[in-house]
Amino acid sequence: MPTLRVYVRSGCHLCDDMLQTLNELQQEYSFELEVIDILGNSRLEAEYGQLIPVLCGWGNGNWKEICHYFIDLVALKQYFGTT
């Protein structure tokens, strides 16, 4: 089962919206969801702080960004190979 990773910050309404959408999409696409709060992690805050929430998928040996701020259904379908 594929795993998606989403980088969030506590108290972020865009993050809450993306997590809700991802939870709904789990019924259509079978995936595990890993949620990582960047708050307090200086490396992650530097990398993702201005982009959160950031949705990533595993491919070719590393995590690759699928979308940020909002769910991009086209990019997500491409990741799952359903376009």
Protein backbone atom coordinates (compact mmCIF):
# COMPACT_ATOMS: atom_id res chain seq x y z
CA MET A 1 0.00 0.00 0.00
CA PRO A 2 1.46 3.39 -0.95
CA THR A 3 2.22 5.94 1.74
CA LEU A 4 1.64 9.64 1.40
CA ARG A 5 3.40 12.08 3.69
CA VAL A 6 1.99 15.47 4.54
CA TYR A 7 3.99 18.17 6.29
CA VAL A 8 1.81 20.41 8.46
CA ARG A 9 2.03 23.01 11.20
CA SER A 10 -0.22 22.86 14.25
CA GLY A 11 -3.01 25.42 14.08
CA CYS A 12 -2.83 25.81 10.29
CA HIS A 13 -6.32 25.90 8.71
CA LEU A 14 -4.96 24.95 5.27
CA CYS A 15 -3.31 21.92 6.88
CA ASP A 16 -6.58 20.92 8.54
CA ASP A 17 -8.40 21.28 5.21
CA MET A 18 -5.84 19.14 3.37
CA LEU A 19 -5.92 16.45 6.06
CA GLN A 20 -9.72 16.31 5.88
CA THR A 21 -9.62 15.99 2.08
CA LEU A 22 -6.95 13.28 2.28
CA ASN A 23 -9.00 11.33 4.81
CA GLU A 24 -11.95 11.46 2.39
CA LEU A 25 -9.74 10.40 -0.54
CA GLN A 26 -8.51 7.33 1.34
CA GLN A 27 -11.83 5.70 0.47
CA GLU A 28 -11.20 6.18 -3.26
CA TYR A 29 -7.44 5.54 -3.24
CA SER A 30 -5.96 3.04 -0.84
CA PHE A 31 -3.01 4.69 0.91
CA GLU A 32 -1.46 5.19 4.31
CA LEU A 33 -1.07 8.74 5.53
CA GLU A 34 1.93 9.92 7.51
CA VAL A 35 1.49 13.36 9.11
CA ILE A 36 4.59 15.29 10.16
CA ASP A 37 4.28 18.50 12.16
CA ILE A 38 7.19 20.79 11.25
CA LEU A 39 6.74 23.03 14.30
CA GLY A 40 9.95 23.08 16.33
CA ASN A 41 12.04 21.29 13.70
CA SER A 42 14.34 23.98 12.27
CA ARG A 43 15.35 21.92 9.24
CA LEU A 44 11.76 21.14 8.24
CA GLU A 45 10.61 24.70 9.00
CA ALA A 46 13.35 26.04 6.70
CA GLU A 47 12.43 23.60 3.93
CA TYR A 48 8.61 23.67 4.12
CA GLY A 49 7.67 26.64 6.31
CA GLN A 50 6.34 28.85 3.51
CA LEU A 51 4.69 26.01 1.58
CA ILE A 52 2.69 24.06 4.16
CA PRO A 53 0.80 21.95 3.92
CA VAL A 54 3.02 19.94 1.59
CA LEU A 55 1.90 16.55 0.27
CA CYS A 56 4.62 14.12 -0.81
CA GLY A 57 4.68 10.63 -2.25
CA TRP A 58 7.44 8.04 -2.26
CA GLY A 59 9.03 7.36 -5.62
CA ASN A 60 12.43 6.45 -7.04
CA GLY A 61 13.98 6.16 -3.60
CA ASN A 62 12.90 9.48 -2.12
CA TRP A 63 9.94 11.67 -1.20
CA LYS A 64 8.68 13.88 -4.03
CA GLU A 65 6.29 16.78 -3.67
CA ILE A 66 2.86 16.16 -5.18
CA CYS A 67 1.32 19.50 -4.21
CA HIS A 68 1.25 22.19 -1.54
CA TYR A 69 -1.32 24.58 -0.02
CA PHE A 70 -4.26 22.67 -1.56
CA ILE A 71 -4.89 19.19 -2.94
CA ASP A 72 -4.09 19.03 -6.65
CA LEU A 73 -6.32 16.17 -7.80
CA VAL A 74 -4.66 15.97 -11.21
CA ALA A 75 -1.20 15.59 -9.64
CA LEU A 76 -2.53 13.10 -7.09
CA LYS A 77 -4.15 11.00 -9.83
CA GLN A 78 -0.87 11.09 -11.77
CA TYR A 79 0.97 9.87 -8.69
CA PHE A 80 -1.46 6.96 -8.35
CA GLY A 81 -1.33 6.34 -12.11
CA THR A 82 -5.04 6.86 -12.67
CA THR A 83 -5.00 9.67 -15.23
